[in-house]
């Protein structure tokens, strides 16, 4: 039986590499390009709210090393504001369809639209496990664009990144 996801939504994470080099400053290089695929596994169109992904923590990464979760430091390059969802930020995915996009992790910073980021320190070489989590807690009833949007929390598959000592990659 195929994976139906959560309320019809499946999140698939992919990386453009499985290896990187480590620096004593806690950075990795070269940058890691992450691909996100939001897949509609249901039998009807699915509306997805991509508004304020960073400011509201809607899309975030979860990293672990040796079974221990690595805490990230959120960084906002501007003060979060209550920006309502608009037509261009709410996407409809047809049954069997998907929405694809990529973001880069430079050194130790995972950036998102709206000037936000998660900052991770890669404290030592080794194997890091990465997942993505997308969450939409509720729909604003006063915003017509949000009406009928998918609500819930979905966790992607896990990818691994082997980080070797500087110069070893």
Foldseek 3Di string as FASTA:
>chain_A
DDDCFDVQWAKAKDWPDQEWAADQQQFTPDKIKMKIKIAGQDQAKAKAAQPPCQVVVQKDKWKDDPNHTFAWDKDAPDDDDPDDTDPVRIDIAGHGGIDMDMWIQHTFWTDDPNRMIIGTGNNDFAKMKMKMKGADADFDPVDPSRVRHDHDMTIYDIGMHGYHYPPPD
